[in-house]
Every structure is written in structure tokens, then in C-alpha cells.
Amino acid sequence: DGRPQKAEFYSLSGRLLKTCRYEDYKRMAGTSRPTRLVMEDALKKGE
């Protein structure tokens, strides 16, 4: 269905900066959309 699930974001040097999970799909503005994004620092645990 083309839903985004996860993204990893990288710096110019190729270092993983953080990850993002697209969660809790609900109907908003006419269609089902992710309503919760969880962004986690790849370098500092727990951030």
C-alpha cells in the first residue's frame, strides 16, 4: 500500500545520525496517515 515504515538518516560522511519509525496510522485529512513518529539518535543511546 505504499506506506512509509522506517527511515535512516545519514550525514555527508556516511555516518548514521538517527532512525525514524512511522507508526499508529489513523484517518486524517481524507486518508490513513502515520500519526506517531519515533526518532532515535543513532549515536547517543536513549535520546
ModelCIF file with pLDDT and N, C-alpha, C, O atoms, coordinates in Angstrom:
data_MODEL
#
_entry.id   MODEL 
#
_entity.id                         1 
_entity.type                       polymer 
_entity.pdbx_number_of_molecules   1 
#
_entity_poly.entity_id                      1 
_entity_poly.type                           'polypeptide(L)' 
_entity_poly.nstd_linkage                   no 
_entity_poly.nstd_monomer                   no 
_entity_poly.pdbx_seq_one_letter_code       DGRPQKAEFYSLSGRLLKTCRYEDYKRMAGTSRPTRLVMEDALKKGE 
_entity_poly.pdbx_seq_one_letter_code_can   DGRPQKAEFYSLSGRLLKTCRYEDYKRMAGTSRPTRLVMEDALKKGE 
_entity_poly.pdbx_strand_id                 A 
#
loop_
_entity_poly_seq.entity_id 
_entity_poly_seq.num 
_entity_poly_seq.mon_id 
_entity_poly_seq.hetero 
1 1  ASP n 
1 2  GLY n 
1 3  ARG n 
1 4  PRO n 
1 5  GLN n 
1 6  LYS n 
1 7  ALA n 
1 8  GLU n 
1 9  PHE n 
1 10 TYR n 
1 11 SER n 
1 12 LEU n 
1 13 SER n 
1 14 GLY n 
1 15 ARG n 
1 16 LEU n 
1 17 LEU n 
1 18 LYS n 
1 19 THR n 
1 20 CYS n 
1 21 ARG n 
1 22 TYR n 
1 23 GLU n 
1 24 ASP n 
1 25 TYR n 
1 26 LYS n 
1 27 ARG n 
1 28 MET n 
1 29 ALA n 
1 30 GLY n 
1 31 THR n 
1 32 SER n 
1 33 ARG n 
1 34 PRO n 
1 35 THR n 
1 36 ARG n 
1 37 LEU n 
1 38 VAL n 
1 39 MET n 
1 40 GLU n 
1 41 ASP n 
1 42 ALA n 
1 43 LEU n 
1 44 LYS n 
1 45 LYS n 
1 46 GLY n 
1 47 GLU n 
#
_struct_asym.id          A 
_struct_asym.entity_id   1 
#
loop_
_ma_qa_metric.id 
_ma_qa_metric.mode 
_ma_qa_metric.name 
_ma_qa_metric.software_group_id 
_ma_qa_metric.type 
1 global pLDDT . pLDDT 
2 local  pLDDT . pLDDT 
#
_ma_qa_metric_global.metric_id      1 
_ma_qa_metric_global.metric_value   96.06 
_ma_qa_metric_global.model_id       1 
_ma_qa_metric_global.ordinal_id     1 
#
loop_
_ma_qa_metric_local.label_asym_id 
_ma_qa_metric_local.label_comp_id 
_ma_qa_metric_local.label_seq_id 
_ma_qa_metric_local.metric_id 
_ma_qa_metric_local.metric_value 
_ma_qa_metric_local.model_id 
_ma_qa_metric_local.ordinal_id 
A ASP 1  2 97.00 1 1  
A GLY 2  2 97.00 1 2  
A ARG 3  2 97.00 1 3  
A PRO 4  2 98.00 1 4  
A GLN 5  2 98.00 1 5  
A LYS 6  2 98.00 1 6  
A ALA 7  2 98.00 1 7  
A GLU 8  2 98.00 1 8  
A PHE 9  2 97.00 1 9  
A TYR 10 2 97.00 1 10 
A SER 11 2 94.00 1 11 
A LEU 12 2 92.00 1 12 
A SER 13 2 94.00 1 13 
A GLY 14 2 95.00 1 14 
A ARG 15 2 96.00 1 15 
A LEU 16 2 98.00 1 16 
A LEU 17 2 97.00 1 17 
A LYS 18 2 97.00 1 18 
A THR 19 2 98.00 1 19 
A CYS 20 2 98.00 1 20 
A ARG 21 2 98.00 1 21 
A TYR 22 2 98.00 1 22 
A GLU 23 2 98.00 1 23 
A ASP 24 2 98.00 1 24 
A TYR 25 2 98.00 1 25 
A LYS 26 2 97.00 1 26 
A ARG 27 2 97.00 1 27 
A MET 28 2 95.00 1 28 
A ALA 29 2 93.00 1 29 
A GLY 30 2 92.00 1 30 
A THR 31 2 94.00 1 31 
A SER 32 2 96.00 1 32 
A ARG 33 2 97.00 1 33 
A PRO 34 2 98.00 1 34 
A THR 35 2 98.00 1 35 
A ARG 36 2 98.00 1 36 
A LEU 37 2 98.00 1 37 
A VAL 38 2 98.00 1 38 
A MET 39 2 98.00 1 39 
A GLU 40 2 97.00 1 40 
A ASP 41 2 96.00 1 41 
A ALA 42 2 95.00 1 42 
A LEU 43 2 90.00 1 43 
A LYS 44 2 91.00 1 44 
A LYS 45 2 89.00 1 45 
A GLY 46 2 90.00 1 46 
A GLU 47 2 94.00 1 47 
#
loop_
_atom_site.group_PDB 
_atom_site.id 
_atom_site.type_symbol 
_atom_site.label_atom_id 
_atom_site.label_alt_id 
_atom_site.label_comp_id 
_atom_site.label_asym_id 
_atom_site.label_entity_id 
_atom_site.label_seq_id 
_atom_site.pdbx_PDB_ins_code 
_atom_site.Cartn_x 
_atom_site.Cartn_y 
_atom_site.Cartn_z 
_atom_site.occupancy 
_atom_site.B_iso_or_equiv 
_atom_site.pdbx_formal_charge 
_atom_site.auth_seq_id 
_atom_site.auth_comp_id 
_atom_site.auth_asym_id 
_atom_site.auth_atom_id 
_atom_site.pdbx_PDB_model_num 
ATOM 1   N N  . ASP A 1 1  ? 0.794  -1.238 0.000  1.00 97.00 ? 1  ASP A N  1 
ATOM 2   C CA . ASP A 1 1  ? 0.000  0.000  0.000  1.00 97.00 ? 1  ASP A CA 1 
ATOM 3   C C  . ASP A 1 1  ? 0.825  1.287  0.000  1.00 97.00 ? 1  ASP A C  1 
ATOM 4   O O  . ASP A 1 1  ? 0.262  2.377  0.093  1.00 97.00 ? 1  ASP A O  1 
ATOM 5   N N  . GLY A 1 2  ? 2.147  1.175  -0.103 1.00 97.00 ? 2  GLY A N  1 
ATOM 6   C CA . GLY A 1 2  ? 2.988  2.371  -0.218 1.00 97.00 ? 2  GLY A CA 1 
ATOM 7   C C  . GLY A 1 2  ? 3.204  3.139  1.063  1.00 97.00 ? 2  GLY A C  1 
ATOM 8   O O  . GLY A 1 2  ? 3.677  4.275  1.039  1.00 97.00 ? 2  GLY A O  1 
ATOM 9   N N  . ARG A 1 3  ? 2.855  2.519  2.199  1.00 97.00 ? 3  ARG A N  1 
ATOM 10  C CA . ARG A 1 3  ? 3.020  3.229  3.474  1.00 97.00 ? 3  ARG A CA 1 
ATOM 11  C C  . ARG A 1 3  ? 4.487  3.305  3.897  1.00 97.00 ? 3  ARG A C  1 
ATOM 12  O O  . ARG A 1 3  ? 5.183  2.290  3.882  1.00 97.00 ? 3  ARG A O  1 
ATOM 13  N N  . PRO A 1 4  ? 4.968  4.496  4.275  1.00 98.00 ? 4  PRO A N  1 
ATOM 14  C CA . PRO A 1 4  ? 6.318  4.562  4.852  1.00 98.00 ? 4  PRO A CA 1 
ATOM 15  C C  . PRO A 1 4  ? 6.339  3.860  6.205  1.00 98.00 ? 4  PRO A C  1 
ATOM 16  O O  . PRO A 1 4  ? 5.398  3.976  6.990  1.00 98.00 ? 4  PRO A O  1 
ATOM 17  N N  . GLN A 1 5  ? 7.425  3.131  6.469  1.00 98.00 ? 5  GLN A N  1 
ATOM 18  C CA . GLN A 1 5  ? 7.547  2.373  7.718  1.00 98.00 ? 5  GLN A CA 1 
ATOM 19  C C  . GLN A 1 5  ? 8.721  2.833  8.571  1.00 98.00 ? 5  GLN A C  1 
ATOM 20  O O  . GLN A 1 5  ? 8.621  2.930  9.794  1.00 98.00 ? 5  GLN A O  1 
ATOM 21  N N  . LYS A 1 6  ? 9.836  3.113  7.903  1.00 98.00 ? 6  LYS A N  1 
ATOM 22  C CA . LYS A 1 6  ? 11.047 3.453  8.657  1.00 98.00 ? 6  LYS A CA 1 
ATOM 23  C C  . LYS A 1 6  ? 11.981 4.246  7.749  1.00 98.00 ? 6  LYS A C  1 
ATOM 24  O O  . LYS A 1 6  ? 11.969 4.084  6.529  1.00 98.00 ? 6  LYS A O  1 
ATOM 25  N N  . ALA A 1 7  ? 12.792 5.107  8.366  1.00 98.00 ? 7  ALA A N  1 
ATOM 26  C CA . ALA A 1 7  ? 13.825 5.820  7.620  1.00 98.00 ? 7  ALA A CA 1 
ATOM 27  C C  . ALA A 1 7  ? 15.096 5.881  8.469  1.00 98.00 ? 7  ALA A C  1 
ATOM 28  O O  . ALA A 1 7  ? 15.033 6.001  9.692  1.00 98.00 ? 7  ALA A O  1 
ATOM 29  N N  . GLU A 1 8  ? 16.232 5.797  7.810  1.00 98.00 ? 8  GLU A N  1 
ATOM 30  C CA . GLU A 1 8  ? 17.526 6.036  8.448  1.00 98.00 ? 8  GLU A CA 1 
ATOM 31  C C  . GLU A 1 8  ? 18.133 7.262  7.786  1.00 98.00 ? 8  GLU A C  1 
ATOM 32  O O  . GLU A 1 8  ? 18.154 7.364  6.560  1.00 98.00 ? 8  GLU A O  1 
ATOM 33  N N  . PHE A 1 9  ? 18.628 8.195  8.600  1.00 97.00 ? 9  PHE A N  1 
ATOM 34  C CA . PHE A 1 9  ? 19.156 9.457  8.080  1.00 97.00 ? 9  PHE A CA 1 
ATOM 35  C C  . PHE A 1 9  ? 20.674 9.497  8.269  1.00 97.00 ? 9  PHE A C  1 
ATOM 36  O O  . PHE A 1 9  ? 21.184 9.227  9.357  1.00 97.00 ? 9  PHE A O  1 
ATOM 37  N N  . TYR A 1 10 ? 21.386 9.840  7.191  1.00 97.00 ? 10 TYR A N  1 
ATOM 38  C CA . TYR A 1 10 ? 22.848 9.794  7.195  1.00 97.00 ? 10 TYR A CA 1 
ATOM 39  C C  . TYR A 1 10 ? 23.453 11.172 6.916  1.00 97.00 ? 10 TYR A C  1 
ATOM 40  O O  . TYR A 1 10 ? 22.855 12.013 6.246  1.00 97.00 ? 10 TYR A O  1 
ATOM 41  N N  . SER A 1 11 ? 24.667 11.373 7.456  1.00 94.00 ? 11 SER A N  1 
ATOM 42  C CA . SER A 1 11 ? 25.423 12.607 7.219  1.00 94.00 ? 11 SER A CA 1 
ATOM 43  C C  . SER A 1 11 ? 26.177 12.503 5.892  1.00 94.00 ? 11 SER A C  1 
ATOM 44  O O  . SER A 1 11 ? 26.174 11.462 5.235  1.00 94.00 ? 11 SER A O  1 
ATOM 45  N N  . LEU A 1 12 ? 26.812 13.594 5.524  1.00 92.00 ? 12 LEU A N  1 
ATOM 46  C CA . LEU A 1 12 ? 27.601 13.644 4.288  1.00 92.00 ? 12 LEU A CA 1 
ATOM 47  C C  . LEU A 1 12 ? 28.749 12.629 4.317  1.00 92.00 ? 12 LEU A C  1 
ATOM 48  O O  . LEU A 1 12 ? 29.131 12.089 3.279  1.00 92.00 ? 12 LEU A O  1 
ATOM 49  N N  . SER A 1 13 ? 29.296 12.375 5.508  1.00 94.00 ? 13 SER A N  1 
ATOM 50  C CA . SER A 1 13 ? 30.415 11.427 5.636  1.00 94.00 ? 13 SER A CA 1 
ATOM 51  C C  . SER A 1 13 ? 29.943 9.974  5.646  1.00 94.00 ? 13 SER A C  1 
ATOM 52  O O  . SER A 1 13 ? 30.760 9.055  5.697  1.00 94.00 ? 13 SER A O  1 
ATOM 53  N N  . GLY A 1 14 ? 28.605 9.762  5.597  1.00 95.00 ? 14 GLY A N  1 
ATOM 54  C CA . GLY A 1 14 ? 28.072 8.409  5.579  1.00 95.00 ? 14 GLY A CA 1 
ATOM 55  C C  . GLY A 1 14 ? 27.744 7.857  6.955  1.00 95.00 ? 14 GLY A C  1 
ATOM 56  O O  . GLY A 1 14 ? 27.425 6.675  7.084  1.00 95.00 ? 14 GLY A O  1 
ATOM 57  N N  . ARG A 1 15 ? 27.817 8.701  8.000  1.00 96.00 ? 15 ARG A N  1 
ATOM 58  C CA . ARG A 1 15 ? 27.522 8.259  9.364  1.00 96.00 ? 15 ARG A CA 1 
ATOM 59  C C  . ARG A 1 15 ? 26.012 8.263  9.608  1.00 96.00 ? 15 ARG A C  1 
ATOM 60  O O  . ARG A 1 15 ? 25.325 9.224  9.263  1.00 96.00 ? 15 ARG A O  1 
ATOM 61  N N  . LEU A 1 16 ? 25.503 7.185  10.205 1.00 98.00 ? 16 LEU A N  1 
ATOM 62  C CA . LEU A 1 16 ? 24.093 7.130  10.572 1.00 98.00 ? 16 LEU A CA 1 
ATOM 63  C C  . LEU A 1 16 ? 23.842 8.097  11.719 1.00 98.00 ? 16 LEU A C  1 
ATOM 64  O O  . LEU A 1 16 ? 24.461 7.988  12.778 1.00 98.00 ? 16 LEU A O  1 
ATOM 65  N N  . LEU A 1 17 ? 22.923 9.055  11.505 1.00 97.00 ? 17 LEU A N  1 
ATOM 66  C CA . LEU A 1 17 ? 22.614 10.069 12.520 1.00 97.00 ? 17 LEU A CA 1 
ATOM 67  C C  . LEU A 1 17 ? 21.456 9.629  13.410 1.00 97.00 ? 17 LEU A C  1 
ATOM 68  O O  . LEU A 1 17 ? 21.545 9.710  14.635 1.00 97.00 ? 17 LEU A O  1 
ATOM 69  N N  . LYS A 1 18 ? 20.369 9.166  12.796 1.00 97.00 ? 18 LYS A N  1 
ATOM 70  C CA . LYS A 1 18 ? 19.189 8.781  13.566 1.00 97.00 ? 18 LYS A CA 1 
ATOM 71  C C  . LYS A 1 18 ? 18.272 7.932  12.714 1.00 97.00 ? 18 LYS A C  1 
ATOM 72  O O  . LYS A 1 18 ? 18.394 7.879  11.490 1.00 97.00 ? 18 LYS A O  1 
ATOM 73  N N  . THR A 1 19 ? 17.349 7.269  13.391 1.00 98.00 ? 19 THR A N  1 
ATOM 74  C CA . THR A 1 19 ? 16.329 6.487  12.698 1.00 98.00 ? 19 THR A CA 1 
ATOM 75  C C  . THR A 1 19 ? 14.956 7.062  13.027 1.00 98.00 ? 19 THR A C  1 
ATOM 76  O O  . THR A 1 19 ? 14.773 7.714  14.055 1.00 98.00 ? 19 THR A O  1 
ATOM 77  N N  . CYS A 1 20 ? 14.000 6.813  12.146 1.00 98.00 ? 20 CYS A N  1 
ATOM 78  C CA . CYS A 1 20 ? 12.629 7.264  12.363 1.00 98.00 ? 20 CYS A CA 1 
ATOM 79  C C  . CYS A 1 20 ? 11.686 6.117  12.012 1.00 98.00 ? 20 CYS A C  1 
ATOM 80  O O  . CYS A 1 20 ? 11.832 5.484  10.966 1.00 98.00 ? 20 CYS A O  1 
ATOM 81  N N  . ARG A 1 21 ? 10.722 5.853  12.887 1.00 98.00 ? 21 ARG A N  1 
ATOM 82  C CA . ARG A 1 21 ? 9.687  4.860  12.610 1.00 98.00 ? 21 ARG A CA 1 
ATOM 83  C C  . ARG A 1 21 ? 8.349  5.581  12.456 1.00 98.00 ? 21 ARG A C  1 
ATOM 84  O O  . ARG A 1 21 ? 8.005  6.458  13.249 1.00 98.00 ? 21 ARG A O  1 
ATOM 85  N N  . TYR A 1 22 ? 7.598  5.193  11.413 1.00 98.00 ? 22 TYR A N  1 
ATOM 86  C CA . TYR A 1 22 ? 6.279  5.784  11.135 1.00 98.00 ? 22 TYR A CA 1 
ATOM 87  C C  . TYR A 1 22 ? 5.217  4.832  11.673 1.00 98.00 ? 22 TYR A C  1 
ATOM 88  O O  . TYR A 1 22 ? 5.081  3.709  11.189 1.00 98.00 ? 22 TYR A O  1 
ATOM 89  N N  . GLU A 1 23 ? 4.467  5.284  12.675 1.00 98.00 ? 23 GLU A N  1 
ATOM 90  C CA . GLU A 1 23 ? 3.581  4.374  13.404 1.00 98.00 ? 23 GLU A CA 1 
ATOM 91  C C  . GLU A 1 23 ? 2.172  4.945  13.557 1.00 98.00 ? 23 GLU A C  1 
ATOM 92  O O  . GLU A 1 23 ? 1.889  6.086  13.193 1.00 98.00 ? 23 GLU A O  1 
ATOM 93  N N  . ASP A 1 24 ? 1.303  4.099  14.113 1.00 98.00 ? 24 ASP A N  1 
ATOM 94  C CA . ASP A 1 24 ? -0.044 4.492  14.548 1.00 98.00 ? 24 ASP A CA 1 
ATOM 95  C C  . ASP A 1 24 ? -0.835 5.176  13.421 1.00 98.00 ? 24 ASP A C  1 
ATOM 96  O O  . ASP A 1 24 ? -1.248 6.329  13.543 1.00 98.00 ? 24 ASP A O  1 
ATOM 97  N N  . TYR A 1 25 ? -1.028 4.450  12.349 1.00 98.00 ? 25 TYR A N  1 
ATOM 98  C CA . TYR A 1 25 ? -1.780 5.001  11.206 1.00 98.00 ? 25 TYR A CA 1 
ATOM 99  C C  . TYR A 1 25 ? -3.239 5.230  11.588 1.00 98.00 ? 25 TYR A C  1 
ATOM 100 O O  . TYR A 1 25 ? -3.904 4.335  12.110 1.00 98.00 ? 25 TYR A O  1 
ATOM 101 N N  . LYS A 1 26 ? -3.728 6.437  11.320 1.00 97.00 ? 26 LYS A N  1 
ATOM 102 C CA . LYS A 1 26 ? -5.135 6.786  11.567 1.00 97.00 ? 26 LYS A CA 1 
ATOM 103 C C  . LYS A 1 26 ? -5.628 7.664  10.423 1.00 97.00 ? 26 LYS A C  1 
ATOM 104 O O  . LYS A 1 26 ? -4.845 8.247  9.673  1.00 97.00 ? 26 LYS A O  1 
ATOM 105 N N  . ARG A 1 27 ? -6.947 7.738  10.315 1.00 97.00 ? 27 ARG A N  1 
ATOM 106 C CA . ARG A 1 27 ? -7.519 8.558  9.242  1.00 97.00 ? 27 ARG A CA 1 
ATOM 107 C C  . ARG A 1 27 ? -7.428 10.039 9.613  1.00 97.00 ? 27 ARG A C  1 
ATOM 108 O O  . ARG A 1 27 ? -7.974 10.472 10.628 1.00 97.00 ? 27 ARG A O  1 
ATOM 109 N N  . MET A 1 28 ? -6.739 10.797 8.787  1.00 95.00 ? 28 MET A N  1 
ATOM 110 C CA . MET A 1 28 ? -6.624 12.250 8.954  1.00 95.00 ? 28 MET A CA 1 
ATOM 111 C C  . MET A 1 28 ? -6.641 12.885 7.576  1.00 95.00 ? 28 MET A C  1 
ATOM 112 O O  . MET A 1 28 ? -5.997 12.395 6.648  1.00 95.00 ? 28 MET A O  1 
ATOM 113 N N  . ALA A 1 29 ? -7.390 13.989 7.446  1.00 93.00 ? 29 ALA A N  1 
ATOM 114 C CA . ALA A 1 29 ? -7.432 14.731 6.186  1.00 93.00 ? 29 ALA A CA 1 
ATOM 115 C C  . ALA A 1 29 ? -7.652 13.803 4.996  1.00 93.00 ? 29 ALA A C  1 
ATOM 116 O O  . ALA A 1 29 ? -6.949 13.883 3.989  1.00 93.00 ? 29 ALA A O  1 
ATOM 117 N N  . GLY A 1 30 ? -8.657 12.907 5.134  1.00 92.00 ? 30 GLY A N  1 
ATOM 118 C CA . GLY A 1 30 ? -9.120 12.133 3.992  1.00 92.00 ? 30 GLY A CA 1 
ATOM 119 C C  . GLY A 1 30 ? -8.494 10.786 3.743  1.00 92.00 ? 30 GLY A C  1 
ATOM 120 O O  . GLY A 1 30 ? -8.977 10.038 2.892  1.00 92.00 ? 30 GLY A O  1 
ATOM 121 N N  . THR A 1 31 ? -7.412 10.440 4.469  1.00 94.00 ? 31 THR A N  1 
ATOM 122 C CA . THR A 1 31 ? -6.797 9.132  4.222  1.00 94.00 ? 31 THR A CA 1 
ATOM 123 C C  . THR A 1 31 ? -6.059 8.664  5.468  1.00 94.00 ? 31 THR A C  1 
ATOM 124 O O  . THR A 1 31 ? -5.924 9.415  6.433  1.00 94.00 ? 31 THR A O  1 
ATOM 125 N N  . SER A 1 32 ? -5.582 7.431  5.448  1.00 96.00 ? 32 SER A N  1 
ATOM 126 C CA . SER A 1 32 ? -4.854 6.876  6.590  1.00 96.00 ? 32 SER A CA 1 
ATOM 127 C C  . SER A 1 32 ? -3.398 7.357  6.546  1.00 96.00 ? 32 SER A C  1 
ATOM 128 O O  . SER A 1 32 ? -2.692 7.171  5.555  1.00 96.00 ? 32 SER A O  1 
ATOM 129 N N  . ARG A 1 33 ? -2.971 7.984  7.656  1.00 97.00 ? 33 ARG A N  1 
ATOM 130 C CA . ARG A 1 33 ? -1.632 8.579  7.706  1.00 97.00 ? 33 ARG A CA 1 
ATOM 131 C C  . ARG A 1 33 ? -0.944 8.197  9.022  1.00 97.00 ? 33 ARG A C  1 
ATOM 132 O O  . ARG A 1 33 ? -1.619 7.895  10.006 1.00 97.00 ? 33 ARG A O  1 
ATOM 133 N N  . PRO A 1 34 ? 0.407  8.208  9.045  1.00 98.00 ? 34 PRO A N  1 
ATOM 134 C CA . PRO A 1 34 ? 1.097  7.947  10.316 1.00 98.00 ? 34 PRO A CA 1 
ATOM 135 C C  . PRO A 1 34 ? 0.886  9.139  11.257 1.00 98.00 ? 34 PRO A C  1 
ATOM 136 O O  . PRO A 1 34 ? 1.109  10.286 10.869 1.00 98.00 ? 34 PRO A O  1 
ATOM 137 N N  . THR A 1 35 ? 0.456  8.863  12.498 1.00 98.00 ? 35 THR A N  1 
ATOM 138 C CA . THR A 1 35 ? 0.213  9.944  13.450 1.00 98.00 ? 35 THR A CA 1 
ATOM 139 C C  . THR A 1 35 ? 1.268  9.989  14.554 1.00 98.00 ? 35 THR A C  1 
ATOM 140 O O  . THR A 1 35 ? 1.244  10.866 15.417 1.00 98.00 ? 35 THR A O  1 
ATOM 141 N N  . ARG A 1 36 ? 2.189  9.033  14.511 1.00 98.00 ? 36 ARG A N  1 
ATOM 142 C CA . ARG A 1 36 ? 3.248  8.988  15.539 1.00 98.00 ? 36 ARG A CA 1 
ATOM 143 C C  . ARG A 1 36 ? 4.566  8.654  14.847 1.00 98.00 ? 36 ARG A C  1 
ATOM 144 O O  . ARG A 1 36 ? 4.677  7.635  14.166 1.00 98.00 ? 36 ARG A O  1 
ATOM 145 N N  . LEU A 1 37 ? 5.553  9.508  15.024 1.00 98.00 ? 37 LEU A N  1 
ATOM 146 C CA . LEU A 1 37 ? 6.895  9.267  14.500 1.00 98.00 ? 37 LEU A CA 1 
ATOM 147 C C  . LEU A 1 37 ? 7.842  9.155  15.682 1.00 98.00 ? 37 LEU A C  1 
ATOM 148 O O  . LEU A 1 37 ? 7.830  9.999  16.578 1.00 98.00 ? 37 LEU A O  1 
ATOM 149 N N  . VAL A 1 38 ? 8.662  8.114  15.683 1.00 98.00 ? 38 VAL A N  1 
ATOM 150 C CA . VAL A 1 38 ? 9.633  7.915  16.765 1.00 98.00 ? 38 VAL A CA 1 
ATOM 151 C C  . VAL A 1 38 ? 11.024 8.110  16.179 1.00 98.00 ? 38 VAL A C  1 
ATOM 152 O O  . VAL A 1 38 ? 11.476 7.316  15.354 1.00 98.00 ? 38 VAL A O  1 
ATOM 153 N N  . MET A 1 39 ? 11.704 9.176  16.610 1.00 98.00 ? 39 MET A N  1 
ATOM 154 C CA . MET A 1 39 ? 13.051 9.493  16.118 1.00 98.00 ? 39 MET A CA 1 
ATOM 155 C C  . MET A 1 39 ? 14.062 9.177  17.213 1.00 98.00 ? 39 MET A C  1 
ATOM 156 O O  . MET A 1 39 ? 13.945 9.637  18.348 1.00 98.00 ? 39 MET A O  1 
ATOM 157 N N  . GLU A 1 40 ? 15.052 8.384  16.841 1.00 97.00 ? 40 GLU A N  1 
ATOM 158 C CA . GLU A 1 40 ? 16.023 7.895  17.832 1.00 97.00 ? 40 GLU A CA 1 
ATOM 159 C C  . GLU A 1 40 ? 17.439 8.209  17.379 1.00 97.00 ? 40 GLU A C  1 
ATOM 160 O O  . GLU A 1 40 ? 17.820 7.904  16.249 1.00 97.00 ? 40 GLU A O  1 
ATOM 161 N N  . ASP A 1 41 ? 18.213 8.815  18.260 1.00 96.00 ? 41 ASP A N  1 
ATOM 162 C CA . ASP A 1 41 ? 19.602 9.151  17.964 1.00 96.00 ? 41 ASP A CA 1 
ATOM 163 C C  . ASP A 1 41 ? 20.406 7.869  17.794 1.00 96.00 ? 41 ASP A C  1 
ATOM 164 O O  . ASP A 1 41 ? 20.337 6.974  18.636 1.00 96.00 ? 41 ASP A O  1 
ATOM 165 N N  . ALA A 1 42 ? 21.162 7.778  16.716 1.00 95.00 ? 42 ALA A N  1 
ATOM 166 C CA . ALA A 1 42 ? 21.945 6.560  16.455 1.00 95.00 ? 42 ALA A CA 1 
ATOM 167 C C  . ALA A 1 42 ? 23.260 6.558  17.236 1.00 95.00 ? 42 ALA A C  1 
ATOM 168 O O  . ALA A 1 42 ? 23.893 5.513  17.388 1.00 95.00 ? 42 ALA A O  1 
ATOM 169 N N  . LEU A 1 43 ? 23.667 7.725  17.729 1.00 90.00 ? 43 LEU A N  1 
ATOM 170 C CA . LEU A 1 43 ? 24.961 7.852  18.389 1.00 90.00 ? 43 LEU A CA 1 
ATOM 171 C C  . LEU A 1 43 ? 24.846 7.856  19.907 1.00 90.00 ? 43 LEU A C  1 
ATOM 172 O O  . LEU A 1 43 ? 25.733 7.367  20.607 1.00 90.00 ? 43 LEU A O  1 
ATOM 173 N N  . LYS A 1 44 ? 23.731 8.421  20.417 1.00 91.00 ? 44 LYS A N  1 
ATOM 174 C CA . LYS A 1 44 ? 23.557 8.535  21.872 1.00 91.00 ? 44 LYS A CA 1 
ATOM 175 C C  . LYS A 1 44 ? 22.358 7.702  22.296 1.00 91.00 ? 44 LYS A C  1 
ATOM 176 O O  . LYS A 1 44 ? 21.214 8.062  22.020 1.00 91.00 ? 44 LYS A O  1 
ATOM 177 N N  . LYS A 1 45 ? 22.620 6.609  22.957 1.00 89.00 ? 45 LYS A N  1 
ATOM 178 C CA . LYS A 1 45 ? 21.567 5.670  23.370 1.00 89.00 ? 45 LYS A CA 1 
ATOM 179 C C  . LYS A 1 45 ? 20.579 6.358  24.316 1.00 89.00 ? 45 LYS A C  1 
ATOM 180 O O  . LYS A 1 45 ? 20.968 7.077  25.236 1.00 89.00 ? 45 LYS A O  1 
ATOM 181 N N  . GLY A 1 46 ? 19.296 6.115  24.061 1.00 90.00 ? 46 GLY A N  1 
ATOM 182 C CA . GLY A 1 46 ? 18.271 6.645  24.956 1.00 90.00 ? 46 GLY A CA 1 
ATOM 183 C C  . GLY A 1 46 ? 17.775 8.032  24.608 1.00 90.00 ? 46 GLY A C  1 
ATOM 184 O O  . GLY A 1 46 ? 16.861 8.540  25.258 1.00 90.00 ? 46 GLY A O  1 
ATOM 185 N N  . GLU A 1 47 ? 18.368 8.666  23.579 1.00 94.00 ? 47 GLU A N  1 
ATOM 186 C CA . GLU A 1 47 ? 17.910 10.003 23.176 1.00 94.00 ? 47 GLU A CA 1 
ATOM 187 C C  . GLU A 1 47 ? 16.846 9.834  22.087 1.00 94.00 ? 47 GLU A C  1 
ATOM 188 O O  . GLU A 1 47 ? 16.310 10.824 21.588 1.00 94.00 ? 47 GLU A O  1 
#
